[in-house]
Amino acid sequence: MTEIVALVDRTGAVVGSAERSVVRRENLLHAATAVLVRDPAGRIYVHRRSPDKDWAPSHHDAAAGGVMGYGEEPAVSAARELAEELGVTGATLRPLGLSVYEDDGTRCVEHCYETTWDGPVRHADGEVVWGAWRSLEELDALLTDPGWLFVPDTRQLLGRLARDGVGDYGALRFWA
């Protein structure tokens, strides 16, 4: 089945749609979601993406998410991605605002969220091949290692949250 993706302007307003393959090939600005998953102790779930992903294969990530379907609401898309990638359902999503990310391989406006989860994590759809809970200090140390592959959009998001002093993300110093 062909996936139709929401195309957006830099404010996140939907301005059209295109097939996922066209979005990737032409690097069109599209809507996406990103959900940071924390446990009650404050640790963050870090996972490695499948080598089959069409963008940033085999990279580590701290956000579940992906492209937003045309006509899909951001919170619905975020909840869907969270369930598909990590098997997390029924979680309360707290908005963290928009994050615009652009490079030579992808251009997106991400609707960002955070959730606290104390249930099981299941790599449900094969998009995630490994994962573990990490403290922010452990994540920070990993992010300073230039040889540790980490998706650049979530790196940018974490840097913004740290710089803006959102919650305890100020503990992250990799971006300084």
N, C-alpha and C. Protein backbone atom coordinates (compact mmCIF):
# COMPACT_ATOMS: atom_id res chain seq x y z
N MET A 1 0.84 -1.19 0.00
CA MET A 1 0.00 0.00 0.00
C MET A 1 0.88 1.25 0.00
N THR A 2 0.54 2.23 -0.80
CA THR A 2 1.30 3.46 -0.91
C THR A 2 1.02 4.35 0.29
N GLU A 3 2.10 4.82 0.93
CA GLU A 3 1.96 5.72 2.08
C GLU A 3 1.94 7.16 1.58
N ILE A 4 0.88 7.90 1.94
CA ILE A 4 0.75 9.31 1.56
C ILE A 4 1.12 10.15 2.78
N VAL A 5 2.08 11.03 2.59
CA VAL A 5 2.68 11.82 3.67
C VAL A 5 2.21 13.27 3.58
N ALA A 6 2.01 13.88 4.74
CA ALA A 6 1.62 15.30 4.80
C ALA A 6 2.81 16.19 4.51
N LEU A 7 2.67 17.07 3.53
CA LEU A 7 3.68 18.10 3.25
C LEU A 7 3.28 19.35 4.02
N VAL A 8 4.27 20.05 4.57
CA VAL A 8 3.99 21.19 5.44
C VAL A 8 4.89 22.38 5.11
N ASP A 9 4.51 23.55 5.66
CA ASP A 9 5.42 24.69 5.62
C ASP A 9 6.22 24.66 6.93
N ARG A 10 7.10 25.64 7.12
CA ARG A 10 7.99 25.64 8.29
C ARG A 10 7.25 25.85 9.62
N THR A 11 5.98 26.24 9.57
CA THR A 11 5.19 26.39 10.80
C THR A 11 4.43 25.11 11.14
N GLY A 12 4.52 24.10 10.26
CA GLY A 12 3.82 22.85 10.47
C GLY A 12 2.45 22.79 9.83
N ALA A 13 2.03 23.86 9.17
CA ALA A 13 0.73 23.87 8.49
C ALA A 13 0.78 22.96 7.26
N VAL A 14 -0.20 22.11 7.11
CA VAL A 14 -0.24 21.18 5.98
C VAL A 14 -0.54 21.97 4.70
N VAL A 15 0.29 21.73 3.67
CA VAL A 15 0.14 22.45 2.40
C VAL A 15 -0.05 21.50 1.22
N GLY A 16 -0.05 20.19 1.50
CA GLY A 16 -0.23 19.23 0.42
C GLY A 16 0.11 17.83 0.87
N SER A 17 0.30 16.94 -0.09
CA SER A 17 0.64 15.55 0.21
C SER A 17 1.47 14.98 -0.93
N ALA A 18 2.17 13.89 -0.62
CA ALA A 18 2.96 13.19 -1.63
C ALA A 18 3.22 11.77 -1.14
N GLU A 19 3.49 10.87 -2.08
CA GLU A 19 3.87 9.52 -1.70
C GLU A 19 5.20 9.56 -0.96
N ARG A 20 5.36 8.66 0.00
CA ARG A 20 6.58 8.61 0.81
C ARG A 20 7.83 8.53 -0.08
N SER A 21 7.77 7.73 -1.14
CA SER A 21 8.94 7.59 -2.02
C SER A 21 9.31 8.92 -2.66
N VAL A 22 8.32 9.74 -3.01
CA VAL A 22 8.57 11.04 -3.61
C VAL A 22 9.15 12.00 -2.56
N VAL A 23 8.59 11.94 -1.35
CA VAL A 23 9.10 12.78 -0.25
C VAL A 23 10.58 12.49 -0.04
N ARG A 24 10.96 11.22 0.01
CA ARG A 24 12.36 10.85 0.22
C ARG A 24 13.23 11.24 -0.97
N ARG A 25 12.77 10.92 -2.17
CA ARG A 25 13.57 11.18 -3.38
C ARG A 25 13.81 12.67 -3.59
N GLU A 26 12.77 13.50 -3.37
CA GLU A 26 12.89 14.93 -3.63
C GLU A 26 13.18 15.75 -2.37
N ASN A 27 13.34 15.06 -1.24
CA ASN A 27 13.63 15.70 0.05
C ASN A 27 12.64 16.84 0.33
N LEU A 28 11.36 16.50 0.28
CA LEU A 28 10.29 17.47 0.51
C LEU A 28 10.07 17.70 2.00
N LEU A 29 9.74 18.93 2.36
CA LEU A 29 9.45 19.27 3.75
C LEU A 29 8.13 18.60 4.14
N HIS A 30 8.19 17.74 5.14
CA HIS A 30 7.04 16.94 5.51
C HIS A 30 6.84 16.94 7.03
N ALA A 31 5.66 16.52 7.44
CA ALA A 31 5.33 16.44 8.87
C ALA A 31 5.82 15.11 9.44
N ALA A 32 6.27 15.16 10.68
CA ALA A 32 6.73 13.97 11.37
C ALA A 32 6.41 14.12 12.86
N THR A 33 6.60 13.05 13.58
CA THR A 33 6.44 13.08 15.03
C THR A 33 7.67 12.49 15.68
N ALA A 34 7.89 12.87 16.94
CA ALA A 34 8.99 12.34 17.74
C ALA A 34 8.50 12.28 19.18
N VAL A 35 8.63 11.10 19.82
CA VAL A 35 8.20 10.93 21.20
C VAL A 35 9.38 10.42 22.02
N LEU A 36 9.80 11.22 22.99
CA LEU A 36 10.83 10.80 23.94
C LEU A 36 10.14 10.02 25.04
N VAL A 37 10.63 8.82 25.32
CA VAL A 37 10.01 7.95 26.32
C VAL A 37 10.92 7.90 27.55
N ARG A 38 10.36 8.32 28.68
CA ARG A 38 11.09 8.34 29.95
C ARG A 38 10.44 7.34 30.91
N ASP A 39 11.20 6.82 31.85
CA ASP A 39 10.60 5.97 32.87
C ASP A 39 10.41 6.80 34.14
N PRO A 40 9.72 6.29 35.14
CA PRO A 40 9.49 7.08 36.36
C PRO A 40 10.77 7.54 37.07
N ALA A 41 11.89 6.84 36.82
CA ALA A 41 13.18 7.23 37.42
C ALA A 41 13.88 8.33 36.61
N GLY A 42 13.29 8.71 35.47
CA GLY A 42 13.87 9.76 34.65
C GLY A 42 14.77 9.27 33.54
N ARG A 43 14.97 7.95 33.47
CA ARG A 43 15.80 7.43 32.37
C ARG A 43 15.05 7.57 31.05
N ILE A 44 15.81 7.59 29.96
CA ILE A 44 15.23 7.74 28.63
C ILE A 44 15.49 6.46 27.84
N TYR A 45 14.51 6.07 27.02
CA TYR A 45 14.66 4.84 26.25
C TYR A 45 15.45 5.14 24.98
N VAL A 46 16.57 4.47 24.82
CA VAL A 46 17.44 4.62 23.65
C VAL A 46 17.38 3.32 22.87
N HIS A 47 17.22 3.43 21.57
CA HIS A 47 17.12 2.24 20.74
C HIS A 47 17.94 2.39 19.46
N ARG A 48 18.17 1.25 18.81
CA ARG A 48 18.87 1.26 17.52
C ARG A 48 17.87 0.90 16.44
N ARG A 49 17.89 1.70 15.39
CA ARG A 49 16.99 1.51 14.26
C ARG A 49 17.46 0.34 13.39
N SER A 50 16.52 -0.26 12.74
CA SER A 50 16.80 -1.37 11.84
C SER A 50 17.72 -0.93 10.70
N PRO A 51 18.55 -1.83 10.19
CA PRO A 51 19.36 -1.50 9.01
C PRO A 51 18.52 -1.34 7.75
N ASP A 52 17.23 -1.69 7.83
CA ASP A 52 16.35 -1.58 6.67
C ASP A 52 15.64 -0.24 6.57
N LYS A 53 15.83 0.67 7.54
CA LYS A 53 15.15 1.97 7.53
C LYS A 53 15.60 2.78 6.31
N ASP A 54 14.68 3.58 5.75
CA ASP A 54 15.01 4.36 4.56
C ASP A 54 15.78 5.64 4.88
N TRP A 55 15.85 6.00 6.16
CA TRP A 55 16.65 7.15 6.58
C TRP A 55 17.33 6.79 7.89
N ALA A 56 18.61 7.07 8.01
CA ALA A 56 19.43 6.80 9.20
C ALA A 56 19.34 5.34 9.65
N PRO A 57 19.58 4.40 8.74
CA PRO A 57 19.55 3.00 9.14
C PRO A 57 20.66 2.69 10.15
N SER A 58 20.35 1.80 11.09
CA SER A 58 21.28 1.33 12.12
C SER A 58 21.77 2.44 13.06
N HIS A 59 21.16 3.59 13.02
CA HIS A 59 21.51 4.66 13.96
C HIS A 59 20.74 4.47 15.26
N HIS A 60 21.31 4.97 16.34
CA HIS A 60 20.60 4.99 17.62
C HIS A 60 19.65 6.18 17.62
N ASP A 61 18.64 6.08 18.48
CA ASP A 61 17.65 7.15 18.59
C ASP A 61 17.10 7.13 20.01
N ALA A 62 16.57 8.25 20.44
CA ALA A 62 15.90 8.34 21.75
C ALA A 62 14.46 8.76 21.56
N ALA A 63 13.98 8.75 20.33
CA ALA A 63 12.59 9.13 20.06
C ALA A 63 11.95 8.09 19.16
N ALA A 64 10.74 7.72 19.51
CA ALA A 64 9.93 6.92 18.60
C ALA A 64 9.19 7.91 17.72
N GLY A 65 9.07 7.61 16.47
CA GLY A 65 8.35 8.54 15.60
C GLY A 65 8.55 8.22 14.15
N GLY A 66 8.04 9.11 13.33
CA GLY A 66 8.16 8.92 11.90
C GLY A 66 7.30 9.90 11.15
N VAL A 67 7.18 9.66 9.87
CA VAL A 67 6.42 10.57 9.02
C VAL A 67 4.94 10.53 9.39
N MET A 68 4.28 11.67 9.20
CA MET A 68 2.87 11.80 9.50
C MET A 68 2.07 11.61 8.22
N GLY A 69 1.08 10.78 8.30
CA GLY A 69 0.22 10.56 7.15
C GLY A 69 -0.64 11.78 6.85
N TYR A 70 -0.97 11.94 5.58
CA TYR A 70 -1.83 13.05 5.17
C TYR A 70 -3.19 12.88 5.84
N GLY A 71 -3.68 13.93 6.49
CA GLY A 71 -4.95 13.90 7.19
C GLY A 71 -4.85 13.38 8.61
N GLU A 72 -3.69 12.96 9.03
CA GLU A 72 -3.49 12.43 10.38
C GLU A 72 -3.17 13.57 11.35
N GLU A 73 -3.76 13.54 12.51
CA GLU A 73 -3.47 14.54 13.54
C GLU A 73 -2.14 14.20 14.21
N PRO A 74 -1.35 15.22 14.63
CA PRO A 74 -0.04 14.95 15.22
C PRO A 74 -0.07 13.98 16.41
N ALA A 75 -0.96 14.19 17.37
CA ALA A 75 -0.99 13.32 18.55
C ALA A 75 -1.37 11.89 18.17
N VAL A 76 -2.26 11.74 17.19
CA VAL A 76 -2.66 10.41 16.72
C VAL A 76 -1.47 9.73 16.05
N SER A 77 -0.75 10.48 15.22
CA SER A 77 0.44 9.94 14.56
C SER A 77 1.50 9.54 15.58
N ALA A 78 1.73 10.39 16.57
CA ALA A 78 2.73 10.10 17.60
C ALA A 78 2.36 8.82 18.36
N ALA A 79 1.09 8.69 18.74
CA ALA A 79 0.65 7.50 19.47
C ALA A 79 0.78 6.26 18.60
N ARG A 80 0.46 6.38 17.31
CA ARG A 80 0.59 5.25 16.39
C ARG A 80 2.04 4.80 16.28
N GLU A 81 2.94 5.75 16.07
CA GLU A 81 4.36 5.42 15.95
C GLU A 81 4.91 4.79 17.23
N LEU A 82 4.50 5.32 18.37
CA LEU A 82 4.93 4.79 19.66
C LEU A 82 4.49 3.33 19.80
N ALA A 83 3.27 3.03 19.41
CA ALA A 83 2.76 1.66 19.48
C ALA A 83 3.47 0.76 18.47
N GLU A 84 3.68 1.26 17.25
CA GLU A 84 4.32 0.45 16.21
C GLU A 84 5.76 0.13 16.56
N GLU A 85 6.52 1.12 17.01
CA GLU A 85 7.95 0.93 17.22
C GLU A 85 8.30 0.31 18.56
N LEU A 86 7.61 0.74 19.63
CA LEU A 86 7.99 0.31 20.98
C LEU A 86 6.90 -0.47 21.71
N GLY A 87 5.77 -0.70 21.06
CA GLY A 87 4.70 -1.45 21.70
C GLY A 87 4.07 -0.74 22.88
N VAL A 88 4.24 0.57 22.95
CA VAL A 88 3.70 1.38 24.04
C VAL A 88 2.34 1.92 23.62
N THR A 89 1.30 1.58 24.39
CA THR A 89 -0.05 2.06 24.09
C THR A 89 -0.68 2.66 25.33
N GLY A 90 -1.54 3.64 25.13
CA GLY A 90 -2.25 4.27 26.23
C GLY A 90 -1.44 5.26 27.04
N ALA A 91 -0.28 5.64 26.54
CA ALA A 91 0.58 6.59 27.25
C ALA A 91 0.05 8.01 27.07
N THR A 92 0.24 8.84 28.08
CA THR A 92 -0.13 10.26 28.00
C THR A 92 1.02 11.02 27.34
N LEU A 93 0.71 11.72 26.27
CA LEU A 93 1.73 12.49 25.55
C LEU A 93 1.71 13.94 26.01
N ARG A 94 2.89 14.46 26.38
CA ARG A 94 3.04 15.87 26.75
C ARG A 94 3.76 16.59 25.61
N PRO A 95 3.13 17.62 25.03
CA PRO A 95 3.75 18.33 23.90
C PRO A 95 5.04 19.04 24.30
N LEU A 96 6.03 18.97 23.40
CA LEU A 96 7.31 19.67 23.57
C LEU A 96 7.53 20.67 22.43
N GLY A 97 6.49 20.94 21.65
CA GLY A 97 6.61 21.93 20.58
C GLY A 97 7.05 21.32 19.26
N LEU A 98 7.34 22.21 18.33
CA LEU A 98 7.79 21.82 17.00
C LEU A 98 9.30 21.90 16.90
N SER A 99 9.86 21.06 16.06
CA SER A 99 11.29 21.10 15.77
C SER A 99 11.45 20.96 14.26
N VAL A 100 12.08 21.93 13.65
CA VAL A 100 12.33 21.88 12.20
C VAL A 100 13.72 21.30 12.00
N TYR A 101 13.80 20.24 11.19
CA TYR A 101 15.09 19.62 10.90
C TYR A 101 15.27 19.54 9.38
N GLU A 102 16.47 19.92 8.93
CA GLU A 102 16.76 19.88 7.50
C GLU A 102 18.21 19.47 7.27
N ASP A 103 18.40 18.50 6.38
CA ASP A 103 19.73 18.18 5.89
C ASP A 103 19.59 17.68 4.45
N ASP A 104 20.65 17.15 3.89
CA ASP A 104 20.61 16.71 2.49
C ASP A 104 19.74 15.48 2.27
N GLY A 105 19.38 14.78 3.36
CA GLY A 105 18.61 13.55 3.22
C GLY A 105 17.17 13.64 3.68
N THR A 106 16.88 14.60 4.55
CA THR A 106 15.51 14.73 5.03
C THR A 106 15.24 16.16 5.49
N ARG A 107 14.00 16.56 5.30
CA ARG A 107 13.53 17.88 5.75
C ARG A 107 12.17 17.65 6.37
N CYS A 108 12.05 17.97 7.67
CA CYS A 108 10.77 17.71 8.33
C CYS A 108 10.49 18.73 9.43
N VAL A 109 9.21 18.86 9.73
CA VAL A 109 8.75 19.61 10.89
C VAL A 109 8.17 18.56 11.83
N GLU A 110 8.85 18.36 12.95
CA GLU A 110 8.45 17.33 13.90
C GLU A 110 7.57 17.90 14.99
N HIS A 111 6.48 17.22 15.25
CA HIS A 111 5.62 17.49 16.40
C HIS A 111 6.20 16.62 17.52
N CYS A 112 6.78 17.27 18.53
CA CYS A 112 7.55 16.55 19.55
C CYS A 112 6.75 16.39 20.84
N TYR A 113 6.93 15.22 21.44
CA TYR A 113 6.22 14.87 22.67
C TYR A 113 7.18 14.14 23.61
N GLU A 114 6.74 14.05 24.86
CA GLU A 114 7.42 13.24 25.86
C GLU A 114 6.35 12.45 26.59
N THR A 115 6.70 11.26 27.02
CA THR A 115 5.79 10.47 27.84
C THR A 115 6.59 9.75 28.92
N THR A 116 5.93 9.43 30.01
CA THR A 116 6.53 8.60 31.06
C THR A 116 5.86 7.24 30.97
N TRP A 117 6.68 6.19 30.95
CA TRP A 117 6.17 4.84 30.75
C TRP A 117 6.84 3.88 31.72
N ASP A 118 6.03 3.13 32.45
CA ASP A 118 6.59 2.14 33.37
C ASP A 118 6.19 0.71 33.02
N GLY A 119 5.68 0.53 31.82
CA GLY A 119 5.30 -0.81 31.36
C GLY A 119 6.38 -1.41 30.48
N PRO A 120 6.06 -2.54 29.88
CA PRO A 120 7.04 -3.20 29.01
C PRO A 120 7.23 -2.44 27.70
N VAL A 121 8.41 -2.59 27.14
CA VAL A 121 8.72 -2.05 25.81
C VAL A 121 8.94 -3.25 24.90
N ARG A 122 8.22 -3.26 23.78
CA ARG A 122 8.34 -4.34 22.80
C ARG A 122 8.68 -3.72 21.45
N HIS A 123 9.68 -4.24 20.82
CA HIS A 123 10.03 -3.78 19.48
C HIS A 123 9.08 -4.47 18.52
N ALA A 124 7.95 -3.81 18.30
CA ALA A 124 6.78 -4.45 17.73
C ALA A 124 6.83 -4.71 16.23
N ASP A 125 7.41 -3.81 15.44
CA ASP A 125 7.25 -3.94 13.99
C ASP A 125 8.55 -4.17 13.22
N GLY A 126 9.63 -4.43 13.91
CA GLY A 126 10.90 -4.69 13.23
C GLY A 126 11.68 -3.45 12.87
N GLU A 127 11.15 -2.24 13.16
CA GLU A 127 11.88 -1.01 12.86
C GLU A 127 12.97 -0.74 13.90
N VAL A 128 12.84 -1.38 15.07
CA VAL A 128 13.81 -1.23 16.17
C VAL A 128 14.41 -2.60 16.44
N VAL A 129 15.75 -2.68 16.55
CA VAL A 129 16.41 -3.96 16.74
C VAL A 129 17.05 -4.13 18.12
N TRP A 130 17.12 -3.08 18.90
CA TRP A 130 17.72 -3.14 20.24
C TRP A 130 17.27 -1.91 21.00
N GLY A 131 17.23 -2.01 22.32
CA GLY A 131 16.92 -0.83 23.12
C GLY A 131 17.23 -1.06 24.59
N ALA A 132 17.43 0.05 25.31
CA ALA A 132 17.72 0.00 26.75
C ALA A 132 17.43 1.36 27.37
N TRP A 133 17.14 1.35 28.65
CA TRP A 133 16.95 2.59 29.40
C TRP A 133 18.32 3.15 29.74
N ARG A 134 18.50 4.45 29.58
CA ARG A 134 19.76 5.13 29.90
C ARG A 134 19.45 6.39 30.70
N SER A 135 20.31 6.71 31.64
CA SER A 135 20.18 7.98 32.34
C SER A 135 20.56 9.09 31.36
N LEU A 136 20.15 10.31 31.66
CA LEU A 136 20.55 11.42 30.79
C LEU A 136 22.07 11.56 30.77
N GLU A 137 22.72 11.29 31.88
CA GLU A 137 24.18 11.36 31.94
C GLU A 137 24.82 10.32 31.02
N GLU A 138 24.26 9.10 31.02
CA GLU A 138 24.77 8.06 30.13
C GLU A 138 24.53 8.44 28.67
N LEU A 139 23.35 8.95 28.37
CA LEU A 139 23.06 9.37 27.00
C LEU A 139 23.99 10.50 26.58
N ASP A 140 24.22 11.44 27.48
CA ASP A 140 25.11 12.56 27.18
C ASP A 140 26.51 12.06 26.81
N ALA A 141 27.02 11.11 27.57
CA ALA A 141 28.35 10.55 27.28
C ALA A 141 28.37 9.89 25.90
N LEU A 142 27.32 9.15 25.57
CA LEU A 142 27.24 8.50 24.26
C LEU A 142 27.19 9.54 23.14
N LEU A 143 26.43 10.61 23.35
CA LEU A 143 26.28 11.65 22.32
C LEU A 143 27.57 12.41 22.06
N THR A 144 28.52 12.36 22.98
CA THR A 144 29.80 13.04 22.75
C THR A 144 30.78 12.17 21.98
N ASP A 145 30.45 10.90 21.78
CA ASP A 145 31.30 9.97 21.05
C ASP A 145 31.02 10.10 19.56
N PRO A 146 31.97 10.64 18.78
CA PRO A 146 31.72 10.85 17.34
C PRO A 146 31.52 9.55 16.56
N GLY A 147 31.92 8.42 17.11
CA GLY A 147 31.76 7.15 16.43
C GLY A 147 30.42 6.47 16.71
N TRP A 148 29.63 7.05 17.63
CA TRP A 148 28.34 6.46 17.99
C TRP A 148 27.28 7.05 17.08
N LEU A 149 26.72 6.26 16.18
CA LEU A 149 25.74 6.75 15.23
C LEU A 149 24.42 7.06 15.93
N PHE A 150 23.98 8.30 15.79
CA PHE A 150 22.73 8.76 16.42
C PHE A 150 22.00 9.63 15.42
N VAL A 151 20.68 9.45 15.32
CA VAL A 151 19.92 10.21 14.34
C VAL A 151 20.05 11.71 14.59
N PRO A 152 20.32 12.48 13.55
CA PRO A 152 20.58 13.91 13.75
C PRO A 152 19.37 14.74 14.15
N ASP A 153 18.15 14.33 13.76
CA ASP A 153 17.00 15.14 14.15
C ASP A 153 16.73 15.06 15.65
N THR A 154 16.88 13.89 16.23
CA THR A 154 16.69 13.77 17.68
C THR A 154 17.86 14.41 18.43
N ARG A 155 19.06 14.34 17.88
CA ARG A 155 20.21 15.04 18.48
C ARG A 155 19.89 16.54 18.56
N GLN A 156 19.37 17.09 17.46
CA GLN A 156 19.02 18.50 17.44
C GLN A 156 17.92 18.81 18.46
N LEU A 157 16.88 17.95 18.52
CA LEU A 157 15.80 18.14 19.48
C LEU A 157 16.32 18.13 20.91
N LEU A 158 17.14 17.15 21.25
CA LEU A 158 17.69 17.08 22.61
C LEU A 158 18.54 18.31 22.93
N GLY A 159 19.31 18.78 21.96
CA GLY A 159 20.10 20.00 22.16
C GLY A 159 19.22 21.21 22.43
N ARG A 160 18.12 21.32 21.70
CA ARG A 160 17.19 22.44 21.92
C ARG A 160 16.58 22.37 23.31
N LEU A 161 16.14 21.18 23.71
CA LEU A 161 15.55 21.03 25.04
C LEU A 161 16.56 21.36 26.13
N ALA A 162 17.81 20.95 25.93
CA ALA A 162 18.87 21.25 26.90
C ALA A 162 19.14 22.75 26.97
N ARG A 163 19.31 23.39 25.82
CA ARG A 163 19.60 24.83 25.79
C ARG A 163 18.46 25.65 26.39
N ASP A 164 17.22 25.20 26.13
CA ASP A 164 16.05 25.93 26.63
C ASP A 164 15.71 25.60 28.08
N GLY A 165 16.45 24.66 28.68
CA GLY A 165 16.22 24.30 30.07
C GLY A 165 14.88 23.63 30.30
N VAL A 166 14.41 22.85 29.32
CA VAL A 166 13.13 22.15 29.46
C VAL A 166 13.32 20.95 30.38
N GLY A 167 12.55 20.91 31.46
CA GLY A 167 12.64 19.80 32.40
C GLY A 167 14.06 19.57 32.85
N ASP A 168 14.47 18.32 32.90
CA ASP A 168 15.83 17.98 33.33
C ASP A 168 16.78 17.81 32.14
N TYR A 169 16.34 18.15 30.94
CA TYR A 169 17.20 18.00 29.76
C TYR A 169 18.42 18.92 29.82
N GLY A 170 18.39 19.93 30.69
CA GLY A 170 19.56 20.79 30.87
C GLY A 170 20.78 20.03 31.33
N ALA A 171 20.60 18.79 31.83
CA ALA A 171 21.73 17.96 32.23
C ALA A 171 22.57 17.51 31.04
N LEU A 172 21.99 17.58 29.84
CA LEU A 172 22.71 17.20 28.63
C LEU A 172 23.67 18.33 28.24
N ARG A 173 24.93 17.99 28.06
CA ARG A 173 25.96 18.99 27.73
C ARG A 173 26.65 18.73 26.39
N PHE A 174 26.26 17.66 25.68
CA PHE A 174 26.93 17.29 24.43
C PHE A 174 26.90 18.41 23.41
N TRP A 175 25.91 19.24 23.43
CA TRP A 175 25.69 20.28 22.42
C TRP A 175 26.54 21.52 22.66
N ALA A 176 27.05 21.67 23.87
CA ALA A 176 27.77 22.90 24.24
C ALA A 176 29.12 23.03 23.56
